[in-house]
Amino acid sequence: MRTIYPANRTGLLIVDPYNDFLSEGGKLWPKVKAVAESVDLIAHLRVLVGAARQSGIVVFYVPHRRWREGDYDGWRYPSPAQLTGDRAAIFADGSWGGEWHPDLGPEPGDVIVEQHCGQNGFANTDLDLQLKQRDIDRIIIAGMLANTCVEGTARCGAEIGYHVTLVRDATAAFSREAMRAAHRINGPSFAHAILTTDEVVAVLTRA
C-alpha cells in the first residue's frame, strides 16, 4: 500500500539538529562525520525540511536537553549516555555547540518541543500534545542519532498510535553498524515506512 502524507495530518520531526552533532568543530561531529558524509546528511536534512514547509507540513524540533552544571545531581539512575554527556558538557546551554546547525534552524510556523532528557522525544515533553492539538497522526522522523533518539522517539510514536516514517539518509550514527541496526534490524519492527529523502520528497510533491 502506498504511503501518503496529507499536509494537515503529517508532521516532520527533526531530532537534535545541534552544532555539537552536525557542525565541524562540534563535540560529537568527529564521531558521526564518516557516516553523516556517506549519506550526505546535511543536504538531505535541508531538502527534507524545505519540502515539508513547501508542502504545508508543520516542522517540529525535538531537542535534547541542553546541558547545565548539576543537571543530574541527586539522580538515582542516570543512564550511561546521560553521564557521558554530562562529563563532556554536550549541547551546553548558551554555547555554540548547543545552538541549531545554521542551515537547520527553526522558522516562523515551526514548533519547538520541550527538551527531552533521555532518548525519547515523547517522554516528559509536550510532543504528543503538540501533535494531537494539530490533528497530526503521521510523523516523519529524521535527525540524530539514528539508533538512539530518532529510534527511541519513533518507537514510542508507533506504540502510542502514530504512523511512523524513518528517513534512512537524513540521519546518522557513530558507526555503519548502528545505522544498519536502526534501519535493517530494529526499524522494520515498528516503523510503517523506511524511506530515502528522495522518496519522501516525491510523495510530498505528488500530494
Foldseek 3Di string as FASTA:
>chain_A
DDDADQQLAEEEEAEAQFCLPPPVVRVCPVLWVVFLVVLVQVVLLLLLVVLSVVLNHAYEYQYADQDDPPPCVPPPQDDPVLVVCNVVRQLHPPDRRVDHDPSDDDDPRHHYKDHDHFQASVPPICPVVVSVVSNHQEYEYAYDALQGNRQNNQQVSQVVHHAYEYALSNHTDSDVVSSCCSQPNPVVVRHPYYHHSVVVSVSSVVD
